[in-house]
Amino acid sequence: MTAAPGHARAVRFDRYGDRNVLYIADIPVPRPAPDEVLVEVRAAGINPGETAIRSGALHERFPAAFPSGQGSDLAGTVLETGRDVSEFAPGDEVLGYSWQRSSHATHAVVPAAQLICKPGELSWPVAGSLYVAACTAWAAVDAVETPGRARQSPSPPPPAESAASSSNSSPCAASASWPSPRPAEHPG
């Protein structure tokens, strides 16, 4: 998708329905608020919930305001940061999610707290589809009660500010690789 200078392209829908209600619109490039990051989207996932929202099946819980965008998972490159954002810098590769139904676009603004540095080992398609599926898996594992193990609520995935950093670069530039998983704990 390419757009005119100063414009982005975004998937939109003006009414509930099947995929035939979707269209591509030229929109102004969004501007980040003080706590947000403007991301040039390289990949975005499609989750079953987005289909349910678009069809109107979840209208009571997640009503759409028309015209509505679509998509939550995304991966891309930081173009601009809001004045209060210190975790990221232009050029950083990130992945995360948007609650604004805005990831199916060339550009999206996302609160910095909803992004993490993209590990170099991840392809763009994997990074762009990872966040919601990974959080769903995390919640499912946490919900399973294993005999002999005290149920614990895990902490959420580490925030971006916990990434390694140096005084001369952003955490993404300083991150060497995806963190190694901890060994699984098995009951004796």
N, C-alpha and C. Protein backbone atom coordinates (compact mmCIF):
# COMPACT_ATOMS: atom_id res chain seq x y z
N MET A 1 0.85 -1.17 0.00
CA MET A 1 0.00 0.00 0.00
C MET A 1 0.89 1.23 0.00
N THR A 2 0.71 2.10 -0.95
CA THR A 2 1.42 3.38 -0.94
C THR A 2 0.38 4.48 -0.91
N ALA A 3 0.77 5.59 -0.31
CA ALA A 3 -0.16 6.70 -0.16
C ALA A 3 0.53 7.99 -0.58
N ALA A 4 -0.25 9.02 -0.76
CA ALA A 4 0.28 10.32 -1.11
C ALA A 4 1.13 10.84 0.05
N PRO A 5 2.10 11.73 -0.23
CA PRO A 5 2.91 12.28 0.87
C PRO A 5 2.02 12.88 1.97
N GLY A 6 2.38 12.58 3.22
CA GLY A 6 1.61 13.07 4.36
C GLY A 6 0.36 12.26 4.64
N HIS A 7 0.15 11.23 3.86
CA HIS A 7 -1.03 10.38 4.05
C HIS A 7 -0.61 8.93 4.28
N ALA A 8 -1.47 8.22 4.97
CA ALA A 8 -1.31 6.78 5.20
C ALA A 8 -2.46 6.09 4.48
N ARG A 9 -2.35 4.79 4.38
CA ARG A 9 -3.45 3.98 3.85
C ARG A 9 -3.89 3.07 4.97
N ALA A 10 -5.19 2.89 5.08
CA ALA A 10 -5.73 2.09 6.19
C ALA A 10 -6.95 1.31 5.75
N VAL A 11 -7.10 0.12 6.31
CA VAL A 11 -8.30 -0.69 6.09
C VAL A 11 -9.40 -0.11 6.97
N ARG A 12 -10.56 0.10 6.38
CA ARG A 12 -11.70 0.68 7.08
C ARG A 12 -12.97 -0.09 6.75
N PHE A 13 -13.99 0.11 7.58
CA PHE A 13 -15.35 -0.35 7.26
C PHE A 13 -16.33 0.63 7.87
N ASP A 14 -17.45 0.87 7.14
CA ASP A 14 -18.46 1.86 7.53
C ASP A 14 -19.74 1.25 8.08
N ARG A 15 -19.80 -0.07 8.06
CA ARG A 15 -20.98 -0.78 8.58
C ARG A 15 -20.55 -2.20 8.90
N TYR A 16 -21.32 -2.86 9.73
CA TYR A 16 -21.03 -4.25 10.04
C TYR A 16 -21.30 -5.13 8.82
N GLY A 17 -20.51 -6.21 8.72
CA GLY A 17 -20.73 -7.14 7.62
C GLY A 17 -19.55 -8.08 7.46
N ASP A 18 -19.56 -8.80 6.34
CA ASP A 18 -18.46 -9.72 6.06
C ASP A 18 -17.28 -8.94 5.48
N ARG A 19 -16.31 -9.63 4.93
CA ARG A 19 -15.11 -8.96 4.45
C ARG A 19 -15.39 -8.00 3.30
N ASN A 20 -16.54 -8.12 2.66
CA ASN A 20 -16.88 -7.23 1.55
C ASN A 20 -17.14 -5.79 1.99
N VAL A 21 -17.28 -5.54 3.30
CA VAL A 21 -17.47 -4.15 3.76
C VAL A 21 -16.13 -3.42 3.92
N LEU A 22 -15.02 -4.15 3.81
CA LEU A 22 -13.70 -3.54 3.98
C LEU A 22 -13.29 -2.77 2.73
N TYR A 23 -12.60 -1.65 2.96
CA TYR A 23 -12.04 -0.88 1.85
C TYR A 23 -10.75 -0.23 2.34
N ILE A 24 -9.95 0.25 1.40
CA ILE A 24 -8.70 0.94 1.71
C ILE A 24 -8.96 2.44 1.58
N ALA A 25 -8.58 3.20 2.61
CA ALA A 25 -8.78 4.65 2.60
C ALA A 25 -7.45 5.38 2.76
N ASP A 26 -7.31 6.50 2.09
CA ASP A 26 -6.20 7.41 2.34
C ASP A 26 -6.60 8.26 3.54
N ILE A 27 -5.73 8.30 4.55
CA ILE A 27 -6.00 9.08 5.75
C ILE A 27 -4.75 9.91 6.07
N PRO A 28 -4.88 10.99 6.82
CA PRO A 28 -3.68 11.71 7.25
C PRO A 28 -2.81 10.81 8.13
N VAL A 29 -1.49 10.94 8.01
CA VAL A 29 -0.60 10.19 8.89
C VAL A 29 -0.93 10.62 10.32
N PRO A 30 -1.22 9.66 11.20
CA PRO A 30 -1.56 10.03 12.57
C PRO A 30 -0.37 10.65 13.29
N ARG A 31 -0.64 11.53 14.23
CA ARG A 31 0.41 12.20 15.02
C ARG A 31 0.41 11.58 16.41
N PRO A 32 1.58 11.25 16.95
CA PRO A 32 1.61 10.64 18.28
C PRO A 32 1.33 11.66 19.39
N ALA A 33 0.54 11.23 20.36
CA ALA A 33 0.34 12.00 21.58
C ALA A 33 1.63 11.91 22.41
N PRO A 34 1.73 12.64 23.52
CA PRO A 34 2.98 12.64 24.30
C PRO A 34 3.48 11.25 24.70
N ASP A 35 2.57 10.28 24.95
CA ASP A 35 2.99 8.94 25.40
C ASP A 35 2.93 7.90 24.29
N GLU A 36 2.81 8.34 23.04
CA GLU A 36 2.63 7.41 21.93
C GLU A 36 3.82 7.41 20.98
N VAL A 37 3.81 6.40 20.11
CA VAL A 37 4.86 6.20 19.12
C VAL A 37 4.17 6.05 17.76
N LEU A 38 4.70 6.73 16.74
CA LEU A 38 4.22 6.53 15.37
C LEU A 38 5.05 5.41 14.76
N VAL A 39 4.36 4.35 14.32
CA VAL A 39 5.02 3.18 13.76
C VAL A 39 4.66 3.07 12.28
N GLU A 40 5.68 2.87 11.44
CA GLU A 40 5.43 2.50 10.06
C GLU A 40 5.27 0.98 10.07
N VAL A 41 4.07 0.51 9.79
CA VAL A 41 3.72 -0.89 9.95
C VAL A 41 4.34 -1.71 8.82
N ARG A 42 5.09 -2.74 9.20
CA ARG A 42 5.68 -3.67 8.24
C ARG A 42 4.87 -4.95 8.14
N ALA A 43 4.19 -5.35 9.22
CA ALA A 43 3.36 -6.56 9.23
C ALA A 43 2.30 -6.40 10.31
N ALA A 44 1.13 -6.98 10.04
CA ALA A 44 0.03 -6.93 11.00
C ALA A 44 -0.73 -8.24 10.95
N GLY A 45 -1.12 -8.73 12.11
CA GLY A 45 -1.85 -9.98 12.20
C GLY A 45 -3.34 -9.78 12.06
N ILE A 46 -4.02 -10.86 11.75
CA ILE A 46 -5.48 -10.87 11.71
C ILE A 46 -5.93 -11.94 12.71
N ASN A 47 -6.74 -11.54 13.66
CA ASN A 47 -7.22 -12.44 14.70
C ASN A 47 -8.72 -12.68 14.55
N PRO A 48 -9.20 -13.83 15.02
CA PRO A 48 -10.63 -14.13 14.90
C PRO A 48 -11.53 -13.05 15.52
N GLY A 49 -11.07 -12.43 16.58
CA GLY A 49 -11.88 -11.38 17.21
C GLY A 49 -12.17 -10.21 16.29
N GLU A 50 -11.22 -9.91 15.39
CA GLU A 50 -11.46 -8.79 14.47
C GLU A 50 -12.60 -9.10 13.50
N THR A 51 -12.70 -10.36 13.08
CA THR A 51 -13.80 -10.77 12.21
C THR A 51 -15.12 -10.65 12.97
N ALA A 52 -15.13 -11.06 14.23
CA ALA A 52 -16.35 -10.97 15.04
C ALA A 52 -16.74 -9.51 15.28
N ILE A 53 -15.77 -8.65 15.53
CA ILE A 53 -16.06 -7.22 15.72
C ILE A 53 -16.64 -6.65 14.43
N ARG A 54 -15.97 -6.92 13.29
CA ARG A 54 -16.41 -6.37 12.01
C ARG A 54 -17.82 -6.85 11.65
N SER A 55 -18.15 -8.09 11.99
CA SER A 55 -19.47 -8.63 11.65
C SER A 55 -20.58 -8.07 12.54
N GLY A 56 -20.20 -7.50 13.69
CA GLY A 56 -21.19 -7.00 14.64
C GLY A 56 -21.51 -7.99 15.73
N ALA A 57 -20.90 -9.19 15.68
CA ALA A 57 -21.20 -10.22 16.68
C ALA A 57 -20.79 -9.79 18.09
N LEU A 58 -19.85 -8.88 18.20
CA LEU A 58 -19.39 -8.40 19.52
C LEU A 58 -19.82 -6.96 19.80
N HIS A 59 -20.88 -6.53 19.12
CA HIS A 59 -21.31 -5.14 19.25
C HIS A 59 -21.58 -4.72 20.69
N GLU A 60 -22.17 -5.57 21.49
CA GLU A 60 -22.47 -5.21 22.88
C GLU A 60 -21.20 -4.97 23.69
N ARG A 61 -20.17 -5.74 23.42
CA ARG A 61 -18.93 -5.62 24.19
C ARG A 61 -17.92 -4.66 23.55
N PHE A 62 -17.78 -4.71 22.23
CA PHE A 62 -16.83 -3.89 21.49
C PHE A 62 -17.52 -3.20 20.33
N PRO A 63 -18.36 -2.20 20.61
CA PRO A 63 -19.07 -1.53 19.52
C PRO A 63 -18.09 -0.76 18.62
N ALA A 64 -18.36 -0.78 17.33
CA ALA A 64 -17.53 -0.05 16.39
C ALA A 64 -18.09 1.37 16.24
N ALA A 65 -17.20 2.34 16.13
CA ALA A 65 -17.57 3.71 15.79
C ALA A 65 -17.16 3.88 14.33
N PHE A 66 -18.11 4.16 13.47
CA PHE A 66 -17.83 4.20 12.04
C PHE A 66 -17.38 5.58 11.58
N PRO A 67 -16.44 5.67 10.63
CA PRO A 67 -15.74 4.53 10.05
C PRO A 67 -14.77 3.94 11.07
N SER A 68 -14.63 2.63 11.00
CA SER A 68 -13.77 1.92 11.94
C SER A 68 -12.57 1.35 11.20
N GLY A 69 -11.46 1.28 11.91
CA GLY A 69 -10.29 0.60 11.39
C GLY A 69 -10.34 -0.86 11.82
N GLN A 70 -9.29 -1.57 11.50
CA GLN A 70 -9.25 -2.98 11.86
C GLN A 70 -7.82 -3.35 12.24
N GLY A 71 -7.67 -4.29 13.17
CA GLY A 71 -6.38 -4.85 13.50
C GLY A 71 -5.81 -4.39 14.82
N SER A 72 -5.15 -5.33 15.52
CA SER A 72 -4.50 -5.01 16.79
C SER A 72 -3.02 -5.34 16.77
N ASP A 73 -2.64 -6.55 16.33
CA ASP A 73 -1.21 -6.93 16.28
C ASP A 73 -0.48 -6.15 15.20
N LEU A 74 0.76 -5.76 15.50
CA LEU A 74 1.56 -5.07 14.50
C LEU A 74 3.04 -5.19 14.80
N ALA A 75 3.83 -5.00 13.76
CA ALA A 75 5.28 -4.88 13.89
C ALA A 75 5.73 -3.86 12.86
N GLY A 76 6.71 -3.07 13.22
CA GLY A 76 7.17 -2.06 12.28
C GLY A 76 8.33 -1.27 12.82
N THR A 77 8.57 -0.13 12.18
CA THR A 77 9.69 0.73 12.51
C THR A 77 9.18 2.04 13.08
N VAL A 78 9.79 2.47 14.18
CA VAL A 78 9.42 3.74 14.81
C VAL A 78 9.83 4.90 13.89
N LEU A 79 8.87 5.77 13.59
CA LEU A 79 9.15 6.97 12.80
C LEU A 79 9.27 8.20 13.67
N GLU A 80 8.46 8.24 14.74
CA GLU A 80 8.41 9.43 15.60
C GLU A 80 7.91 9.02 16.98
N THR A 81 8.36 9.72 17.99
CA THR A 81 7.89 9.46 19.35
C THR A 81 7.28 10.72 19.94
N GLY A 82 6.31 10.52 20.84
CA GLY A 82 5.75 11.64 21.58
C GLY A 82 6.79 12.18 22.55
N ARG A 83 6.58 13.38 23.02
CA ARG A 83 7.59 14.06 23.84
C ARG A 83 7.91 13.35 25.16
N ASP A 84 6.98 12.53 25.68
CA ASP A 84 7.22 11.84 26.94
C ASP A 84 7.80 10.43 26.77
N VAL A 85 8.06 10.02 25.55
CA VAL A 85 8.55 8.66 25.27
C VAL A 85 10.07 8.66 25.26
N SER A 86 10.65 7.85 26.15
CA SER A 86 12.11 7.71 26.17
C SER A 86 12.55 6.28 25.87
N GLU A 87 11.57 5.35 25.80
CA GLU A 87 11.90 3.94 25.59
C GLU A 87 12.29 3.63 24.14
N PHE A 88 11.87 4.44 23.21
CA PHE A 88 12.08 4.17 21.79
C PHE A 88 12.60 5.40 21.08
N ALA A 89 13.20 5.15 19.92
CA ALA A 89 13.74 6.22 19.09
C ALA A 89 13.43 5.91 17.63
N PRO A 90 13.38 6.92 16.77
CA PRO A 90 13.17 6.65 15.35
C PRO A 90 14.18 5.63 14.84
N GLY A 91 13.67 4.70 14.05
CA GLY A 91 14.50 3.63 13.50
C GLY A 91 14.41 2.33 14.27
N ASP A 92 13.91 2.36 15.51
CA ASP A 92 13.77 1.14 16.30
C ASP A 92 12.73 0.22 15.67
N GLU A 93 13.01 -1.07 15.69
CA GLU A 93 12.06 -2.08 15.22
C GLU A 93 11.28 -2.58 16.42
N VAL A 94 9.95 -2.55 16.32
CA VAL A 94 9.09 -2.86 17.46
C VAL A 94 7.97 -3.82 17.05
N LEU A 95 7.36 -4.43 18.08
CA LEU A 95 6.13 -5.19 17.88
C LEU A 95 5.23 -4.90 19.07
N GLY A 96 3.95 -5.11 18.86
CA GLY A 96 3.00 -4.86 19.94
C GLY A 96 1.57 -4.93 19.45
N TYR A 97 0.71 -4.13 20.09
CA TYR A 97 -0.71 -4.16 19.77
C TYR A 97 -1.31 -2.78 19.95
N SER A 98 -2.43 -2.58 19.29
CA SER A 98 -3.19 -1.35 19.40
C SER A 98 -4.62 -1.68 19.80
N TRP A 99 -5.14 -0.94 20.77
CA TRP A 99 -6.55 -1.10 21.15
C TRP A 99 -7.44 -0.25 20.25
N GLN A 100 -6.85 0.51 19.33
CA GLN A 100 -7.62 1.45 18.52
C GLN A 100 -8.07 0.89 17.18
N ARG A 101 -7.91 -0.44 16.97
CA ARG A 101 -8.27 -1.05 15.69
C ARG A 101 -7.59 -0.31 14.55
N SER A 102 -6.26 -0.24 14.63
CA SER A 102 -5.53 0.60 13.68
C SER A 102 -4.32 -0.06 13.04
N SER A 103 -4.07 -1.34 13.30
CA SER A 103 -2.83 -1.94 12.81
C SER A 103 -2.86 -2.32 11.33
N HIS A 104 -4.03 -2.44 10.74
CA HIS A 104 -4.11 -2.76 9.32
C HIS A 104 -4.02 -1.47 8.52
N ALA A 105 -2.84 -0.89 8.56
CA ALA A 105 -2.58 0.41 7.92
C ALA A 105 -1.08 0.54 7.67
N THR A 106 -0.72 1.53 6.89
CA THR A 106 0.70 1.77 6.66
C THR A 106 1.36 2.42 7.85
N HIS A 107 0.59 3.16 8.66
CA HIS A 107 1.11 3.86 9.83
C HIS A 107 0.08 3.76 10.96
N ALA A 108 0.57 3.62 12.19
CA ALA A 108 -0.32 3.56 13.35
C ALA A 108 0.36 4.22 14.54
N VAL A 109 -0.41 4.91 15.36
CA VAL A 109 0.12 5.42 16.62
C VAL A 109 -0.30 4.46 17.72
N VAL A 110 0.65 4.18 18.60
CA VAL A 110 0.45 3.18 19.64
C VAL A 110 1.07 3.71 20.93
N PRO A 111 0.38 3.57 22.08
CA PRO A 111 1.03 3.94 23.33
C PRO A 111 2.34 3.16 23.50
N ALA A 112 3.38 3.83 23.94
CA ALA A 112 4.69 3.19 24.10
C ALA A 112 4.60 1.96 25.01
N ALA A 113 3.72 1.98 25.99
CA ALA A 113 3.58 0.86 26.92
C ALA A 113 3.05 -0.40 26.24
N GLN A 114 2.53 -0.29 25.02
CA GLN A 114 1.98 -1.44 24.31
C GLN A 114 2.95 -1.96 23.24
N LEU A 115 4.20 -1.55 23.31
CA LEU A 115 5.22 -1.98 22.35
C LEU A 115 6.42 -2.57 23.08
N ILE A 116 7.10 -3.48 22.41
CA ILE A 116 8.39 -3.98 22.86
C ILE A 116 9.32 -3.98 21.66
N CYS A 117 10.61 -4.10 21.92
CA CYS A 117 11.59 -4.17 20.85
C CYS A 117 11.41 -5.48 20.09
N LYS A 118 11.46 -5.42 18.77
CA LYS A 118 11.36 -6.63 17.95
C LYS A 118 12.70 -7.35 17.98
N PRO A 119 12.73 -8.60 18.43
CA PRO A 119 13.98 -9.35 18.37
C PRO A 119 14.42 -9.53 16.92
N GLY A 120 15.68 -9.35 16.66
CA GLY A 120 16.20 -9.47 15.31
C GLY A 120 15.96 -10.83 14.69
N GLU A 121 15.85 -11.86 15.53
CA GLU A 121 15.65 -13.22 15.03
C GLU A 121 14.26 -13.46 14.47
N LEU A 122 13.30 -12.59 14.79
CA LEU A 122 11.93 -12.78 14.32
C LEU A 122 11.75 -12.14 12.95
N SER A 123 11.10 -12.86 12.05
CA SER A 123 10.74 -12.28 10.75
C SER A 123 9.63 -11.25 10.99
N TRP A 124 9.45 -10.37 10.03
CA TRP A 124 8.37 -9.39 10.15
C TRP A 124 7.00 -10.07 10.25
N PRO A 125 6.69 -11.06 9.40
CA PRO A 125 5.35 -11.69 9.53
C PRO A 125 5.11 -12.33 10.89
N VAL A 126 6.12 -12.98 11.46
CA VAL A 126 5.95 -13.59 12.78
C VAL A 126 5.76 -12.49 13.84
N ALA A 127 6.61 -11.48 13.80
CA ALA A 127 6.51 -10.39 14.78
C ALA A 127 5.17 -9.68 14.69
N GLY A 128 4.66 -9.49 13.48
CA GLY A 128 3.40 -8.78 13.29
C GLY A 128 2.18 -9.56 13.70
N SER A 129 2.32 -10.84 13.95
CA SER A 129 1.17 -11.66 14.34
C SER A 129 1.33 -12.27 15.72
N LEU A 130 2.33 -11.86 16.46
CA LEU A 130 2.70 -12.54 17.69
C LEU A 130 1.95 -12.09 18.93
N TYR A 131 1.69 -10.83 19.11
CA TYR A 131 1.32 -10.31 20.41
C TYR A 131 0.02 -10.90 20.98
N VAL A 132 -1.07 -10.82 20.24
CA VAL A 132 -2.34 -11.31 20.78
C VAL A 132 -2.30 -12.82 20.97
N ALA A 133 -1.74 -13.55 20.00
CA ALA A 133 -1.65 -15.01 20.13
C ALA A 133 -0.78 -15.40 21.33
N ALA A 134 0.34 -14.71 21.52
CA ALA A 134 1.22 -15.02 22.65
C ALA A 134 0.55 -14.71 23.98
N CYS A 135 -0.15 -13.59 24.06
CA CYS A 135 -0.84 -13.26 25.31
C CYS A 135 -1.98 -14.23 25.58
N THR A 136 -2.65 -14.69 24.53
CA THR A 136 -3.71 -15.69 24.70
C THR A 136 -3.11 -16.99 25.23
N ALA A 137 -2.00 -17.41 24.66
CA ALA A 137 -1.34 -18.63 25.14
C ALA A 137 -0.89 -18.47 26.58
N TRP A 138 -0.33 -17.31 26.90
CA TRP A 138 0.12 -17.02 28.27
C TRP A 138 -1.05 -17.15 29.25
N ALA A 139 -2.19 -16.57 28.88
CA ALA A 139 -3.36 -16.62 29.76
C ALA A 139 -3.89 -18.04 29.89
N ALA A 140 -3.85 -18.81 28.80
CA ALA A 140 -4.33 -20.19 28.86
C ALA A 140 -3.46 -21.04 29.78
N VAL A 141 -2.15 -20.89 29.66
CA VAL A 141 -1.25 -21.64 30.54
C VAL A 141 -1.47 -21.24 31.99
N ASP A 142 -1.64 -19.94 32.22
CA ASP A 142 -1.86 -19.47 33.58
C ASP A 142 -3.17 -19.98 34.16
N ALA A 143 -4.16 -20.20 33.29
CA ALA A 143 -5.48 -20.63 33.76
C ALA A 143 -5.53 -22.11 34.14
N VAL A 144 -4.58 -22.88 33.65
CA VAL A 144 -4.56 -24.31 33.94
C VAL A 144 -4.01 -24.53 35.34
N GLU A 145 -4.75 -25.24 36.15
CA GLU A 145 -4.28 -25.55 37.49
C GLU A 145 -3.60 -26.91 37.45
N THR A 146 -2.31 -26.91 37.72
CA THR A 146 -1.53 -28.15 37.72
C THR A 146 -1.52 -28.71 39.14
N PRO A 147 -1.88 -30.00 39.31
CA PRO A 147 -1.84 -30.59 40.65
C PRO A 147 -0.43 -30.48 41.24
N GLY A 148 -0.37 -30.12 42.49
CA GLY A 148 0.92 -30.02 43.18
C GLY A 148 1.63 -28.69 42.97
N ARG A 149 1.04 -27.81 42.20
CA ARG A 149 1.68 -26.51 41.96
C ARG A 149 0.72 -25.43 42.42
N ALA A 150 1.24 -24.53 43.20
CA ALA A 150 0.42 -23.41 43.63
C ALA A 150 0.15 -22.52 42.42
N ARG A 151 -1.10 -22.13 42.24
CA ARG A 151 -1.45 -21.27 41.11
C ARG A 151 -0.87 -19.90 41.36
N GLN A 152 -0.16 -19.41 40.38
CA GLN A 152 0.43 -18.08 40.48
C GLN A 152 0.03 -17.27 39.26
N SER A 153 -0.16 -16.00 39.44
CA SER A 153 -0.41 -15.13 38.30
C SER A 153 0.93 -14.62 37.82
N PRO A 154 1.31 -14.97 36.61
CA PRO A 154 2.60 -14.49 36.12
C PRO A 154 2.54 -13.00 35.86
N SER A 155 3.69 -12.40 35.91
CA SER A 155 3.73 -10.99 35.55
C SER A 155 3.56 -10.90 34.04
N PRO A 156 3.08 -9.75 33.56
CA PRO A 156 2.93 -9.61 32.12
C PRO A 156 4.29 -9.63 31.44
N PRO A 157 4.31 -9.77 30.11
CA PRO A 157 5.59 -9.74 29.41
C PRO A 157 6.36 -8.49 29.81
N PRO A 158 7.70 -8.54 29.82
CA PRO A 158 8.47 -7.40 30.29
C PRO A 158 8.22 -6.17 29.46
N PRO A 159 8.08 -5.01 30.13
CA PRO A 159 7.88 -3.78 29.39
C PRO A 159 9.16 -3.37 28.67
N ALA A 160 8.99 -2.51 27.71
CA ALA A 160 10.13 -2.09 26.90
C ALA A 160 11.24 -1.48 27.74
N GLU A 161 10.87 -0.76 28.80
CA GLU A 161 11.92 -0.08 29.57
C GLU A 161 12.83 -1.03 30.32
N SER A 162 12.45 -2.32 30.40
CA SER A 162 13.31 -3.26 31.10
C SER A 162 14.38 -3.84 30.19
N ALA A 163 14.31 -3.52 28.90
CA ALA A 163 15.32 -4.01 27.97
C ALA A 163 16.67 -3.37 28.29
N ALA A 164 17.73 -4.08 27.96
CA ALA A 164 19.06 -3.54 28.19
C ALA A 164 19.22 -2.26 27.40
N SER A 165 19.91 -1.29 27.96
CA SER A 165 20.12 -0.03 27.24
C SER A 165 21.44 0.58 27.66
N SER A 166 21.90 1.48 26.82
CA SER A 166 23.09 2.26 27.14
C SER A 166 22.71 3.72 27.08
N SER A 167 23.57 4.58 27.56
CA SER A 167 23.23 5.99 27.58
C SER A 167 23.21 6.60 26.19
N ASN A 168 23.78 5.92 25.19
CA ASN A 168 23.85 6.49 23.86
C ASN A 168 22.85 5.91 22.88
N SER A 169 22.00 5.00 23.30
CA SER A 169 21.08 4.40 22.34
C SER A 169 19.79 4.00 23.02
N SER A 170 18.80 3.67 22.19
CA SER A 170 17.53 3.23 22.72
C SER A 170 17.65 1.77 23.15
N PRO A 171 16.69 1.28 23.94
CA PRO A 171 16.72 -0.12 24.34
C PRO A 171 16.72 -1.07 23.14
N CYS A 172 16.01 -0.71 22.07
CA CYS A 172 15.97 -1.60 20.91
C CYS A 172 17.34 -1.72 20.27
N ALA A 173 18.06 -0.63 20.16
CA ALA A 173 19.39 -0.68 19.55
C ALA A 173 20.35 -1.46 20.44
N ALA A 174 20.13 -1.43 21.75
CA ALA A 174 21.04 -2.10 22.68
C ALA A 174 20.70 -3.56 22.89
N SER A 175 19.48 -3.98 22.53
CA SER A 175 19.07 -5.36 22.74
C SER A 175 19.83 -6.27 21.78
N ALA A 176 20.49 -7.26 22.33
CA ALA A 176 21.29 -8.15 21.49
C ALA A 176 20.44 -9.22 20.83
N SER A 177 19.49 -9.80 21.57
CA SER A 177 18.70 -10.87 21.00
C SER A 177 17.48 -11.12 21.88
N TRP A 178 16.63 -12.00 21.42
CA TRP A 178 15.45 -12.43 22.16
C TRP A 178 15.90 -13.06 23.46
N PRO A 179 15.29 -12.73 24.59
CA PRO A 179 15.73 -13.34 25.85
C PRO A 179 15.53 -14.85 25.84
N SER A 180 16.46 -15.56 26.45
CA SER A 180 16.35 -17.02 26.54
C SER A 180 15.23 -17.38 27.49
N PRO A 181 14.42 -18.39 27.13
CA PRO A 181 13.35 -18.79 28.05
C PRO A 181 13.94 -19.46 29.29
N ARG A 182 13.22 -19.29 30.40
CA ARG A 182 13.64 -19.98 31.62
C ARG A 182 13.23 -21.43 31.53
N PRO A 183 14.00 -22.32 32.14
CA PRO A 183 13.61 -23.73 32.13
C PRO A 183 12.25 -23.91 32.79
N ALA A 184 11.46 -24.81 32.27
CA ALA A 184 10.15 -25.08 32.85
C ALA A 184 10.31 -25.68 34.24
N GLU A 185 9.43 -25.29 35.12
CA GLU A 185 9.45 -25.86 36.46
C GLU A 185 8.46 -27.02 36.48
N HIS A 186 8.92 -28.18 36.83
CA HIS A 186 8.05 -29.35 36.91
C HIS A 186 7.95 -29.80 38.35
N PRO A 187 6.72 -30.19 38.76
CA PRO A 187 6.59 -30.68 40.14
C PRO A 187 7.39 -31.98 40.29
N GLY A 188 8.03 -32.15 41.47
CA GLY A 188 8.87 -33.31 41.75
C GLY A 188 8.11 -34.54 41.79
